[in-house]
């Protein structure tokens, strides 16, 4: 999954450097894995040890980024199949002046807001049904003006689930671009089956 995620970023001609933030004690193993699996020669790959949390790991990746890179993409290895068109759309939106950009999809399911269950497995009372036309499922890569993302990591100390929400806390506008159904997150066994099916189709159609 990591190799595919790195290649997904490297496939974009807008990306010239991929910083891979590895587990704190696994940087050597990750570097060996990537050395054994080629990425485009025009793309450099740097492996650095991460931290204990996602937020710390992104900050360490930012700290390792050399000068001269004004746009930063933050991507999850758990989304290995994001198409290059989605990556390019995020980069273009940042180039056009957005401080933060996220790919996003409309929700197919109705969403319910609930109260926490009284006990594990107990029924949860529904308290609201948000208008799903105003909701989006957010994907990665998320794109940022580098200075904005650095300021967000220096300023926001709350535990967050994505970097765009840190920029929101600065009072800046985060915009969305269309996401893609193949940029799903692989977290469950069924997701892995779907990812393998997508790869099989790509190999058949594109020799991917």
N, C-alpha and C. Protein backbone atom coordinates (compact mmCIF):
# COMPACT_ATOMS: atom_id res chain seq x y z
N UNK A 1 0.82 -1.20 0.00
CA UNK A 1 0.00 0.00 0.00
C UNK A 1 0.86 1.26 0.00
N UNK A 2 1.94 1.24 0.77
CA UNK A 2 2.82 2.40 0.82
C UNK A 2 3.45 2.67 -0.54
N UNK A 3 3.93 1.62 -1.19
CA UNK A 3 4.56 1.78 -2.50
C UNK A 3 3.56 2.38 -3.49
N UNK A 4 2.33 1.87 -3.51
CA UNK A 4 1.32 2.40 -4.41
C UNK A 4 0.99 3.86 -4.07
N UNK A 5 0.94 4.20 -2.77
CA UNK A 5 0.64 5.57 -2.37
C UNK A 5 1.75 6.53 -2.82
N UNK A 6 3.00 6.10 -2.68
CA UNK A 6 4.12 6.94 -3.13
C UNK A 6 4.07 7.11 -4.64
N UNK A 7 3.81 6.03 -5.35
CA UNK A 7 3.72 6.13 -6.82
C UNK A 7 2.55 7.03 -7.23
N UNK A 8 1.46 6.99 -6.49
CA UNK A 8 0.31 7.84 -6.81
C UNK A 8 0.69 9.31 -6.76
N UNK A 9 1.51 9.68 -5.79
CA UNK A 9 1.99 11.07 -5.71
C UNK A 9 3.02 11.35 -6.80
N UNK A 10 3.94 10.42 -7.00
CA UNK A 10 5.03 10.63 -7.96
C UNK A 10 4.53 10.66 -9.40
N UNK A 11 3.36 10.08 -9.66
CA UNK A 11 2.82 10.10 -11.02
C UNK A 11 2.43 11.50 -11.47
N UNK A 12 2.22 12.41 -10.51
CA UNK A 12 1.91 13.79 -10.87
C UNK A 12 3.19 14.53 -11.24
N UNK A 13 3.18 15.20 -12.38
CA UNK A 13 4.36 15.96 -12.79
C UNK A 13 4.56 17.20 -11.92
N UNK A 14 3.54 17.53 -11.12
CA UNK A 14 3.68 18.65 -10.19
C UNK A 14 4.46 18.27 -8.94
N UNK A 15 4.67 16.97 -8.73
CA UNK A 15 5.33 16.47 -7.52
C UNK A 15 6.76 16.08 -7.86
N UNK A 16 7.74 16.75 -7.22
CA UNK A 16 9.15 16.43 -7.48
C UNK A 16 9.83 15.81 -6.27
N UNK A 17 9.17 15.85 -5.10
CA UNK A 17 9.73 15.26 -3.89
C UNK A 17 8.61 14.64 -3.07
N UNK A 18 8.81 13.40 -2.64
CA UNK A 18 7.88 12.74 -1.72
C UNK A 18 8.62 12.48 -0.42
N UNK A 19 8.13 13.04 0.68
CA UNK A 19 8.68 12.78 2.01
C UNK A 19 7.80 11.72 2.67
N UNK A 20 8.37 10.57 2.92
CA UNK A 20 7.63 9.47 3.55
C UNK A 20 7.94 9.49 5.05
N UNK A 21 6.91 9.68 5.84
CA UNK A 21 7.07 9.69 7.30
C UNK A 21 6.79 8.28 7.81
N UNK A 22 7.85 7.61 8.24
CA UNK A 22 7.79 6.20 8.62
C UNK A 22 7.52 6.06 10.12
N UNK A 23 7.17 4.85 10.58
CA UNK A 23 7.11 4.63 12.02
C UNK A 23 8.44 5.00 12.66
N UNK A 24 8.44 5.49 13.91
CA UNK A 24 9.68 5.98 14.54
C UNK A 24 10.85 5.01 14.47
N UNK A 25 10.57 3.71 14.58
CA UNK A 25 11.66 2.73 14.57
C UNK A 25 11.71 1.94 13.25
N UNK A 26 11.02 2.44 12.21
CA UNK A 26 10.95 1.67 10.98
C UNK A 26 11.42 2.39 9.74
N UNK A 27 12.16 3.49 9.91
CA UNK A 27 12.58 4.27 8.74
C UNK A 27 13.49 3.46 7.82
N UNK A 28 14.39 2.67 8.38
CA UNK A 28 15.31 1.87 7.57
C UNK A 28 14.57 0.84 6.75
N UNK A 29 13.61 0.19 7.35
CA UNK A 29 12.83 -0.83 6.65
C UNK A 29 12.01 -0.21 5.52
N UNK A 30 11.42 0.96 5.79
CA UNK A 30 10.63 1.64 4.77
C UNK A 30 11.52 2.08 3.61
N UNK A 31 12.70 2.59 3.92
CA UNK A 31 13.62 3.01 2.86
C UNK A 31 14.02 1.83 1.97
N UNK A 32 14.29 0.68 2.59
CA UNK A 32 14.64 -0.51 1.82
C UNK A 32 13.48 -0.94 0.92
N UNK A 33 12.26 -0.86 1.43
CA UNK A 33 11.08 -1.22 0.65
C UNK A 33 10.95 -0.33 -0.57
N UNK A 34 11.14 0.98 -0.38
CA UNK A 34 10.99 1.91 -1.49
C UNK A 34 12.15 1.80 -2.47
N UNK A 35 13.35 1.53 -1.97
CA UNK A 35 14.50 1.34 -2.86
C UNK A 35 14.28 0.15 -3.79
N UNK A 36 13.55 -0.85 -3.30
CA UNK A 36 13.33 -2.08 -4.09
C UNK A 36 12.17 -1.95 -5.06
N UNK A 37 11.41 -0.86 -4.96
CA UNK A 37 10.25 -0.67 -5.83
C UNK A 37 10.34 0.70 -6.48
N UNK A 38 10.63 0.71 -7.74
CA UNK A 38 10.97 1.95 -8.45
C UNK A 38 9.80 2.93 -8.47
N UNK A 39 10.15 4.22 -8.36
CA UNK A 39 9.23 5.32 -8.62
C UNK A 39 9.85 6.13 -9.75
N UNK A 40 9.10 7.02 -10.40
CA UNK A 40 9.67 7.79 -11.50
C UNK A 40 10.98 8.49 -11.12
N UNK A 41 11.96 8.45 -12.02
CA UNK A 41 13.29 8.99 -11.71
C UNK A 41 13.26 10.48 -11.42
N UNK A 42 12.27 11.18 -11.98
CA UNK A 42 12.23 12.63 -11.76
C UNK A 42 11.75 12.99 -10.36
N UNK A 43 11.31 12.00 -9.60
CA UNK A 43 10.79 12.25 -8.26
C UNK A 43 11.76 11.74 -7.20
N UNK A 44 12.18 12.63 -6.31
CA UNK A 44 13.03 12.24 -5.19
C UNK A 44 12.16 11.72 -4.05
N UNK A 45 12.68 10.76 -3.30
CA UNK A 45 11.96 10.22 -2.14
C UNK A 45 12.86 10.31 -0.92
N UNK A 46 12.34 10.91 0.14
CA UNK A 46 13.06 11.08 1.40
C UNK A 46 12.26 10.39 2.49
N UNK A 47 12.91 9.55 3.29
CA UNK A 47 12.23 8.84 4.38
C UNK A 47 12.72 9.40 5.71
N UNK A 48 11.77 9.79 6.58
CA UNK A 48 12.12 10.33 7.90
C UNK A 48 11.29 9.61 8.97
N UNK A 49 11.82 9.48 10.18
CA UNK A 49 11.03 8.88 11.27
C UNK A 49 9.89 9.79 11.68
N UNK A 50 8.76 9.18 12.00
CA UNK A 50 7.60 9.95 12.44
C UNK A 50 7.51 10.05 13.95
N UNK A 51 6.36 10.55 14.41
CA UNK A 51 6.14 10.73 15.84
C UNK A 51 5.09 9.77 16.36
N UNK A 52 4.58 10.07 17.55
CA UNK A 52 3.61 9.18 18.20
C UNK A 52 2.19 9.41 17.68
N UNK A 53 1.92 10.60 17.12
CA UNK A 53 0.59 10.91 16.61
C UNK A 53 0.70 11.34 15.15
N UNK A 54 -0.44 11.34 14.49
CA UNK A 54 -0.48 11.79 13.09
C UNK A 54 0.02 13.22 12.98
N UNK A 55 -0.44 14.06 13.92
CA UNK A 55 -0.07 15.47 13.90
C UNK A 55 1.45 15.64 14.04
N UNK A 56 2.04 14.91 14.96
CA UNK A 56 3.50 14.99 15.15
C UNK A 56 4.22 14.51 13.90
N UNK A 57 3.69 13.48 13.27
CA UNK A 57 4.35 12.92 12.09
C UNK A 57 4.32 13.91 10.93
N UNK A 58 3.19 14.58 10.72
CA UNK A 58 3.13 15.58 9.66
C UNK A 58 4.11 16.71 9.94
N UNK A 59 4.20 17.13 11.19
CA UNK A 59 5.13 18.20 11.56
C UNK A 59 6.58 17.78 11.28
N UNK A 60 6.92 16.54 11.58
CA UNK A 60 8.28 16.06 11.31
C UNK A 60 8.55 15.99 9.81
N UNK A 61 7.54 15.62 9.04
CA UNK A 61 7.69 15.63 7.60
C UNK A 61 7.89 17.05 7.06
N UNK A 62 7.15 18.00 7.62
CA UNK A 62 7.31 19.41 7.24
C UNK A 62 8.70 19.91 7.59
N UNK A 63 9.17 19.55 8.76
CA UNK A 63 10.50 19.99 9.20
C UNK A 63 11.59 19.47 8.28
N UNK A 64 11.37 18.31 7.68
CA UNK A 64 12.38 17.70 6.80
C UNK A 64 12.33 18.24 5.38
N UNK A 65 11.30 19.03 5.07
CA UNK A 65 11.14 19.52 3.71
C UNK A 65 12.16 20.62 3.42
N UNK A 66 12.96 20.47 2.37
CA UNK A 66 13.97 21.49 2.05
C UNK A 66 13.31 22.81 1.63
N UNK A 67 14.08 23.90 1.63
CA UNK A 67 13.56 25.17 1.12
C UNK A 67 13.21 25.06 -0.36
N UNK A 68 12.33 25.95 -0.81
CA UNK A 68 12.01 26.00 -2.23
C UNK A 68 10.73 25.30 -2.61
N UNK A 69 10.12 24.58 -1.68
CA UNK A 69 8.85 23.92 -1.95
C UNK A 69 7.74 24.74 -1.30
N UNK A 70 6.93 25.42 -2.10
CA UNK A 70 5.93 26.33 -1.56
C UNK A 70 4.55 25.70 -1.43
N UNK A 71 4.35 24.55 -2.07
CA UNK A 71 3.09 23.82 -1.97
C UNK A 71 3.36 22.45 -1.36
N UNK A 72 2.57 22.09 -0.37
CA UNK A 72 2.74 20.82 0.32
C UNK A 72 1.45 20.01 0.22
N UNK A 73 1.59 18.75 -0.14
CA UNK A 73 0.48 17.81 -0.11
C UNK A 73 0.66 16.86 1.06
N UNK A 74 -0.40 16.63 1.81
CA UNK A 74 -0.38 15.67 2.90
C UNK A 74 -1.29 14.51 2.52
N UNK A 75 -0.69 13.32 2.40
CA UNK A 75 -1.42 12.17 1.89
C UNK A 75 -1.31 10.99 2.85
N UNK A 76 -2.35 10.16 2.87
CA UNK A 76 -2.37 8.96 3.71
C UNK A 76 -1.95 7.75 2.89
N UNK A 77 -1.04 6.96 3.41
CA UNK A 77 -0.67 5.71 2.73
C UNK A 77 -1.86 4.76 2.66
N UNK A 78 -2.85 4.96 3.52
CA UNK A 78 -4.04 4.13 3.50
C UNK A 78 -4.96 4.44 2.33
N UNK A 79 -4.59 5.44 1.51
CA UNK A 79 -5.34 5.74 0.28
C UNK A 79 -4.38 5.55 -0.90
N UNK A 80 -4.06 4.31 -1.25
CA UNK A 80 -3.00 4.05 -2.22
C UNK A 80 -3.39 4.24 -3.67
N UNK A 81 -4.68 4.42 -3.96
CA UNK A 81 -5.13 4.36 -5.35
C UNK A 81 -5.68 5.70 -5.86
N UNK A 82 -5.34 6.79 -5.20
CA UNK A 82 -5.85 8.10 -5.65
C UNK A 82 -5.33 8.38 -7.07
N UNK A 83 -6.22 8.74 -8.01
CA UNK A 83 -5.79 9.01 -9.37
C UNK A 83 -4.97 10.29 -9.48
N UNK A 84 -4.11 10.35 -10.49
CA UNK A 84 -3.24 11.51 -10.66
C UNK A 84 -4.05 12.77 -10.95
N UNK A 85 -5.21 12.64 -11.59
CA UNK A 85 -6.02 13.83 -11.87
C UNK A 85 -6.48 14.51 -10.58
N UNK A 86 -6.75 13.72 -9.55
CA UNK A 86 -7.15 14.29 -8.26
C UNK A 86 -5.98 15.03 -7.62
N UNK A 87 -4.79 14.44 -7.67
CA UNK A 87 -3.60 15.09 -7.14
C UNK A 87 -3.37 16.41 -7.85
N UNK A 88 -3.46 16.40 -9.18
CA UNK A 88 -3.22 17.61 -9.96
C UNK A 88 -4.26 18.69 -9.65
N UNK A 89 -5.52 18.29 -9.44
CA UNK A 89 -6.57 19.26 -9.14
C UNK A 89 -6.32 19.97 -7.81
N UNK A 90 -5.81 19.22 -6.82
CA UNK A 90 -5.48 19.82 -5.53
C UNK A 90 -4.35 20.82 -5.70
N UNK A 91 -3.30 20.44 -6.42
CA UNK A 91 -2.16 21.34 -6.62
C UNK A 91 -2.60 22.61 -7.34
N UNK A 92 -3.43 22.48 -8.38
CA UNK A 92 -3.87 23.63 -9.16
C UNK A 92 -4.66 24.61 -8.30
N UNK A 93 -5.51 24.08 -7.42
CA UNK A 93 -6.31 24.96 -6.56
C UNK A 93 -5.44 25.76 -5.61
N UNK A 94 -4.36 25.13 -5.09
CA UNK A 94 -3.44 25.88 -4.22
C UNK A 94 -2.70 26.93 -5.06
N UNK A 95 -2.27 26.55 -6.26
CA UNK A 95 -1.59 27.51 -7.14
C UNK A 95 -2.48 28.70 -7.46
N UNK A 96 -3.79 28.45 -7.50
CA UNK A 96 -4.73 29.53 -7.82
C UNK A 96 -5.03 30.42 -6.62
N UNK A 97 -4.42 30.12 -5.46
CA UNK A 97 -4.53 31.03 -4.33
C UNK A 97 -5.20 30.51 -3.09
N UNK A 98 -5.74 29.27 -3.13
CA UNK A 98 -6.37 28.72 -1.92
C UNK A 98 -5.31 28.32 -0.91
N UNK A 99 -5.46 28.73 0.36
CA UNK A 99 -4.46 28.33 1.37
C UNK A 99 -4.52 26.86 1.74
N UNK A 100 -5.70 26.25 1.55
CA UNK A 100 -5.88 24.84 1.90
C UNK A 100 -6.96 24.24 1.00
N UNK A 101 -6.69 23.01 0.51
CA UNK A 101 -7.59 22.37 -0.44
C UNK A 101 -7.76 20.91 -0.06
N UNK A 102 -9.00 20.42 -0.12
CA UNK A 102 -9.24 19.00 0.16
C UNK A 102 -10.09 18.41 -0.96
N UNK A 103 -9.74 17.21 -1.44
CA UNK A 103 -10.66 16.51 -2.35
C UNK A 103 -11.81 15.93 -1.55
N UNK A 104 -13.01 16.00 -2.09
CA UNK A 104 -14.17 15.57 -1.32
C UNK A 104 -15.25 15.02 -2.23
N UNK A 105 -16.06 14.12 -1.68
CA UNK A 105 -17.16 13.51 -2.40
C UNK A 105 -18.48 13.77 -1.68
N UNK A 106 -19.57 13.96 -2.42
CA UNK A 106 -20.89 14.00 -1.77
C UNK A 106 -21.18 12.69 -1.07
N UNK A 107 -22.01 12.74 -0.04
CA UNK A 107 -22.35 11.53 0.70
C UNK A 107 -23.49 10.78 0.00
N UNK A 108 -23.34 9.48 -0.11
CA UNK A 108 -24.40 8.66 -0.70
C UNK A 108 -25.43 8.25 0.35
N UNK A 109 -25.01 8.18 1.61
CA UNK A 109 -25.89 7.71 2.69
C UNK A 109 -26.46 8.89 3.48
N UNK A 110 -27.65 8.68 4.01
CA UNK A 110 -28.18 9.62 4.98
C UNK A 110 -27.36 9.53 6.26
N UNK A 111 -27.10 10.67 6.90
CA UNK A 111 -26.27 10.72 8.10
C UNK A 111 -27.14 11.09 9.30
N UNK A 112 -26.92 10.40 10.39
CA UNK A 112 -27.63 10.69 11.64
C UNK A 112 -26.64 11.15 12.70
N UNK A 113 -27.01 12.18 13.43
CA UNK A 113 -26.25 12.57 14.62
C UNK A 113 -26.89 11.91 15.82
N UNK A 114 -26.05 11.25 16.66
CA UNK A 114 -26.59 10.49 17.78
C UNK A 114 -25.95 10.94 19.09
N UNK A 115 -26.63 10.58 20.18
CA UNK A 115 -26.02 10.72 21.50
C UNK A 115 -25.20 9.46 21.77
N UNK A 116 -24.10 9.60 22.53
CA UNK A 116 -23.30 8.40 22.86
C UNK A 116 -24.17 7.36 23.56
N UNK A 117 -23.89 6.10 23.27
CA UNK A 117 -24.64 5.02 23.90
C UNK A 117 -24.34 4.96 25.39
N UNK A 118 -25.32 4.55 26.16
CA UNK A 118 -25.14 4.44 27.61
C UNK A 118 -24.13 3.36 27.96
N UNK A 119 -24.03 2.34 27.10
CA UNK A 119 -23.08 1.24 27.31
C UNK A 119 -22.68 0.71 25.94
N UNK A 120 -21.52 0.09 25.86
CA UNK A 120 -21.09 -0.45 24.56
C UNK A 120 -22.13 -1.38 23.95
N UNK A 121 -22.51 -1.13 22.70
CA UNK A 121 -23.48 -1.97 22.03
C UNK A 121 -24.93 -1.60 22.28
N UNK A 122 -25.17 -0.64 23.19
CA UNK A 122 -26.54 -0.23 23.48
C UNK A 122 -27.07 0.67 22.36
N UNK A 123 -28.39 0.74 22.18
CA UNK A 123 -28.96 1.62 21.15
C UNK A 123 -28.56 3.08 21.40
N UNK A 124 -28.34 3.82 20.30
CA UNK A 124 -27.95 5.23 20.39
C UNK A 124 -29.10 6.11 19.94
N UNK A 125 -29.58 7.03 20.79
CA UNK A 125 -30.68 7.91 20.38
C UNK A 125 -30.24 8.87 19.28
N UNK A 126 -31.07 9.01 18.25
CA UNK A 126 -30.81 9.97 17.18
C UNK A 126 -31.28 11.35 17.64
N UNK A 127 -30.41 12.36 17.46
CA UNK A 127 -30.77 13.72 17.88
C UNK A 127 -30.94 14.67 16.70
N UNK A 128 -30.42 14.30 15.50
CA UNK A 128 -30.57 15.18 14.35
C UNK A 128 -30.23 14.42 13.08
N UNK A 129 -30.78 14.90 11.96
CA UNK A 129 -30.46 14.38 10.63
C UNK A 129 -29.94 15.54 9.79
N UNK A 130 -28.61 15.70 9.70
CA UNK A 130 -28.06 16.81 8.92
C UNK A 130 -28.43 16.69 7.44
N UNK A 131 -28.52 17.84 6.78
CA UNK A 131 -28.78 17.88 5.34
C UNK A 131 -27.54 17.38 4.61
N UNK A 132 -27.62 16.20 4.02
CA UNK A 132 -26.43 15.60 3.44
C UNK A 132 -25.95 16.35 2.19
N UNK A 133 -26.81 17.19 1.60
CA UNK A 133 -26.37 17.97 0.44
C UNK A 133 -25.31 18.99 0.82
N UNK A 134 -25.21 19.30 2.11
CA UNK A 134 -24.22 20.25 2.60
C UNK A 134 -22.99 19.55 3.20
N UNK A 135 -22.96 18.23 3.15
CA UNK A 135 -21.87 17.46 3.75
C UNK A 135 -21.01 16.81 2.68
N UNK A 136 -19.74 16.64 2.98
CA UNK A 136 -18.82 16.00 2.05
C UNK A 136 -17.93 15.03 2.82
N UNK A 137 -17.58 13.92 2.16
CA UNK A 137 -16.59 12.98 2.70
C UNK A 137 -15.23 13.40 2.17
N UNK A 138 -14.32 13.71 3.07
CA UNK A 138 -13.04 14.30 2.68
C UNK A 138 -11.99 13.21 2.48
N UNK A 139 -11.16 13.39 1.45
CA UNK A 139 -10.11 12.45 1.12
C UNK A 139 -8.74 13.12 1.23
N UNK A 140 -7.71 12.43 0.78
CA UNK A 140 -6.39 13.02 0.63
C UNK A 140 -5.89 12.67 -0.77
N UNK A 141 -4.89 13.41 -1.29
CA UNK A 141 -4.04 14.37 -0.59
C UNK A 141 -4.75 15.70 -0.34
N UNK A 142 -4.46 16.26 0.83
CA UNK A 142 -4.86 17.63 1.11
C UNK A 142 -3.69 18.53 0.75
N UNK A 143 -3.99 19.67 0.13
CA UNK A 143 -2.95 20.56 -0.35
C UNK A 143 -2.93 21.87 0.40
N UNK A 144 -1.72 22.43 0.58
CA UNK A 144 -1.57 23.64 1.39
C UNK A 144 -0.50 24.56 0.84
N UNK A 145 -0.73 25.83 1.02
CA UNK A 145 0.37 26.77 0.94
C UNK A 145 1.30 26.44 2.11
N UNK A 146 2.57 26.26 1.82
CA UNK A 146 3.49 25.76 2.85
C UNK A 146 3.50 26.65 4.10
N UNK A 147 3.58 27.95 3.91
CA UNK A 147 3.65 28.85 5.06
C UNK A 147 2.41 28.73 5.94
N UNK A 148 1.26 28.53 5.30
CA UNK A 148 0.01 28.38 6.05
C UNK A 148 0.03 27.11 6.89
N UNK A 149 0.48 26.00 6.30
CA UNK A 149 0.51 24.74 7.03
C UNK A 149 1.51 24.79 8.18
N UNK A 150 2.66 25.41 7.94
CA UNK A 150 3.66 25.55 9.00
C UNK A 150 3.07 26.36 10.16
N UNK A 151 2.37 27.46 9.83
CA UNK A 151 1.77 28.29 10.89
C UNK A 151 0.70 27.52 11.65
N UNK A 152 -0.07 26.71 10.93
CA UNK A 152 -1.10 25.91 11.59
C UNK A 152 -0.48 24.94 12.60
N UNK A 153 0.62 24.30 12.23
CA UNK A 153 1.26 23.34 13.14
C UNK A 153 1.96 24.04 14.29
N UNK A 154 2.34 25.28 14.11
CA UNK A 154 2.95 26.04 15.21
C UNK A 154 1.91 26.61 16.16
N UNK A 155 0.66 26.73 15.67
CA UNK A 155 -0.37 27.45 16.43
C UNK A 155 -1.39 26.54 17.08
N UNK A 156 -1.84 25.54 16.34
CA UNK A 156 -2.94 24.69 16.80
C UNK A 156 -2.40 23.50 17.59
N UNK A 157 -2.85 23.36 18.81
CA UNK A 157 -2.38 22.28 19.67
C UNK A 157 -3.46 21.22 19.90
N UNK A 158 -4.69 21.48 19.44
CA UNK A 158 -5.77 20.50 19.62
C UNK A 158 -5.46 19.23 18.83
N UNK A 159 -5.96 18.11 19.32
CA UNK A 159 -5.82 16.86 18.59
C UNK A 159 -6.82 16.88 17.44
N UNK A 160 -6.34 16.73 16.21
CA UNK A 160 -7.20 16.83 15.03
C UNK A 160 -7.06 15.57 14.18
N UNK A 161 -8.04 15.36 13.30
CA UNK A 161 -8.01 14.18 12.44
C UNK A 161 -7.48 14.50 11.05
N UNK A 162 -7.40 15.79 10.70
CA UNK A 162 -6.78 16.16 9.43
C UNK A 162 -6.19 17.56 9.53
N UNK A 163 -5.29 17.85 8.60
CA UNK A 163 -4.57 19.12 8.65
C UNK A 163 -5.44 20.29 8.22
N UNK A 164 -6.41 20.03 7.36
CA UNK A 164 -7.29 21.10 6.91
C UNK A 164 -8.05 21.72 8.09
N UNK A 165 -8.43 20.90 9.06
CA UNK A 165 -9.16 21.44 10.21
C UNK A 165 -8.26 22.36 11.04
N UNK A 166 -6.95 22.13 11.00
CA UNK A 166 -6.03 23.04 11.69
C UNK A 166 -6.02 24.40 11.01
N UNK A 167 -6.06 24.40 9.69
CA UNK A 167 -6.11 25.67 8.95
C UNK A 167 -7.44 26.38 9.21
N UNK A 168 -8.53 25.61 9.31
CA UNK A 168 -9.82 26.21 9.66
C UNK A 168 -9.72 26.95 10.99
N UNK A 169 -8.99 26.38 11.94
CA UNK A 169 -8.87 27.01 13.25
C UNK A 169 -8.07 28.30 13.20
N UNK A 170 -7.32 28.51 12.12
CA UNK A 170 -6.64 29.79 11.93
C UNK A 170 -7.58 30.86 11.39
N UNK A 171 -8.80 30.46 11.05
CA UNK A 171 -9.76 31.40 10.49
C UNK A 171 -9.66 31.55 8.98
N UNK A 172 -8.92 30.65 8.33
CA UNK A 172 -8.75 30.70 6.88
C UNK A 172 -9.73 29.76 6.19
N UNK A 173 -10.00 30.04 4.93
CA UNK A 173 -10.97 29.26 4.16
C UNK A 173 -10.30 28.03 3.55
N UNK A 174 -10.91 26.88 3.79
CA UNK A 174 -10.52 25.63 3.15
C UNK A 174 -11.52 25.37 2.03
N UNK A 175 -11.04 25.05 0.83
CA UNK A 175 -11.93 24.78 -0.28
C UNK A 175 -11.82 23.31 -0.69
N UNK A 176 -12.86 22.84 -1.37
CA UNK A 176 -12.86 21.46 -1.85
C UNK A 176 -12.72 21.42 -3.38
N UNK A 177 -12.14 20.33 -3.85
CA UNK A 177 -12.17 19.99 -5.27
C UNK A 177 -12.78 18.59 -5.36
N UNK A 178 -13.27 18.20 -6.54
CA UNK A 178 -13.89 16.87 -6.62
C UNK A 178 -12.91 15.75 -6.27
N UNK A 179 -13.33 14.87 -5.39
CA UNK A 179 -12.55 13.70 -5.06
C UNK A 179 -12.83 12.59 -6.07
N UNK A 180 -12.40 11.39 -5.75
CA UNK A 180 -12.59 10.26 -6.68
C UNK A 180 -12.92 9.01 -5.87
N UNK A 181 -13.81 8.20 -6.41
CA UNK A 181 -14.25 7.01 -5.68
C UNK A 181 -13.12 6.01 -5.46
N UNK A 182 -12.05 6.06 -6.28
CA UNK A 182 -10.93 5.14 -6.09
C UNK A 182 -9.93 5.63 -5.05
N UNK A 183 -10.16 6.81 -4.51
CA UNK A 183 -9.27 7.33 -3.46
C UNK A 183 -9.79 6.94 -2.07
N UNK A 184 -10.46 5.80 -1.99
CA UNK A 184 -11.01 5.35 -0.71
C UNK A 184 -9.90 4.92 0.24
N UNK A 185 -10.24 4.90 1.51
CA UNK A 185 -9.29 4.54 2.56
C UNK A 185 -9.38 3.05 2.85
N UNK A 186 -8.24 2.37 2.82
CA UNK A 186 -8.20 0.94 3.07
C UNK A 186 -8.02 0.71 4.57
N UNK A 187 -9.11 0.37 5.24
CA UNK A 187 -9.06 0.18 6.70
C UNK A 187 -9.62 -1.17 7.14
N UNK A 188 -10.41 -1.81 6.28
CA UNK A 188 -11.06 -3.07 6.64
C UNK A 188 -10.73 -4.13 5.60
N UNK A 189 -10.92 -5.40 5.94
CA UNK A 189 -10.63 -6.46 4.96
C UNK A 189 -11.37 -6.28 3.63
N UNK A 190 -12.63 -5.83 3.68
CA UNK A 190 -13.39 -5.64 2.45
C UNK A 190 -12.76 -4.54 1.58
N UNK A 191 -12.19 -3.50 2.22
CA UNK A 191 -11.52 -2.44 1.46
C UNK A 191 -10.33 -3.00 0.69
N UNK A 192 -9.63 -3.94 1.30
CA UNK A 192 -8.47 -4.55 0.64
C UNK A 192 -8.90 -5.35 -0.59
N UNK A 193 -10.01 -6.04 -0.47
CA UNK A 193 -10.54 -6.78 -1.62
C UNK A 193 -10.88 -5.82 -2.75
N UNK A 194 -11.49 -4.70 -2.41
CA UNK A 194 -11.85 -3.70 -3.41
C UNK A 194 -10.60 -3.10 -4.05
N UNK A 195 -9.58 -2.81 -3.23
CA UNK A 195 -8.33 -2.27 -3.76
C UNK A 195 -7.68 -3.23 -4.74
N UNK A 196 -7.69 -4.51 -4.41
CA UNK A 196 -7.11 -5.51 -5.31
C UNK A 196 -7.89 -5.58 -6.62
N UNK A 197 -9.20 -5.40 -6.55
CA UNK A 197 -10.02 -5.42 -7.77
C UNK A 197 -9.71 -4.20 -8.64
N UNK A 198 -9.54 -3.04 -8.01
CA UNK A 198 -9.20 -1.83 -8.76
C UNK A 198 -7.85 -1.99 -9.44
N UNK A 199 -6.86 -2.53 -8.72
CA UNK A 199 -5.53 -2.74 -9.30
C UNK A 199 -5.59 -3.73 -10.47
N UNK A 200 -6.38 -4.78 -10.31
CA UNK A 200 -6.50 -5.78 -11.39
C UNK A 200 -7.10 -5.13 -12.64
N UNK A 201 -8.08 -4.28 -12.46
CA UNK A 201 -8.69 -3.60 -13.61
C UNK A 201 -7.70 -2.64 -14.26
N UNK A 202 -6.93 -1.93 -13.43
CA UNK A 202 -5.94 -1.00 -13.98
C UNK A 202 -4.87 -1.74 -14.78
N UNK A 203 -4.43 -2.88 -14.25
CA UNK A 203 -3.42 -3.65 -14.98
C UNK A 203 -3.96 -4.14 -16.32
N UNK A 204 -5.21 -4.53 -16.33
CA UNK A 204 -5.85 -5.01 -17.55
C UNK A 204 -6.00 -3.90 -18.58
N UNK A 205 -6.40 -2.71 -18.10
CA UNK A 205 -6.70 -1.60 -19.01
C UNK A 205 -5.48 -0.76 -19.36
N UNK A 206 -4.60 -0.56 -18.37
CA UNK A 206 -3.51 0.42 -18.55
C UNK A 206 -2.12 -0.20 -18.41
N UNK A 207 -2.04 -1.47 -18.01
CA UNK A 207 -0.72 -2.02 -17.72
C UNK A 207 -0.12 -1.41 -16.48
N UNK A 208 -0.98 -0.93 -15.55
CA UNK A 208 -0.50 -0.23 -14.34
C UNK A 208 0.28 -1.18 -13.46
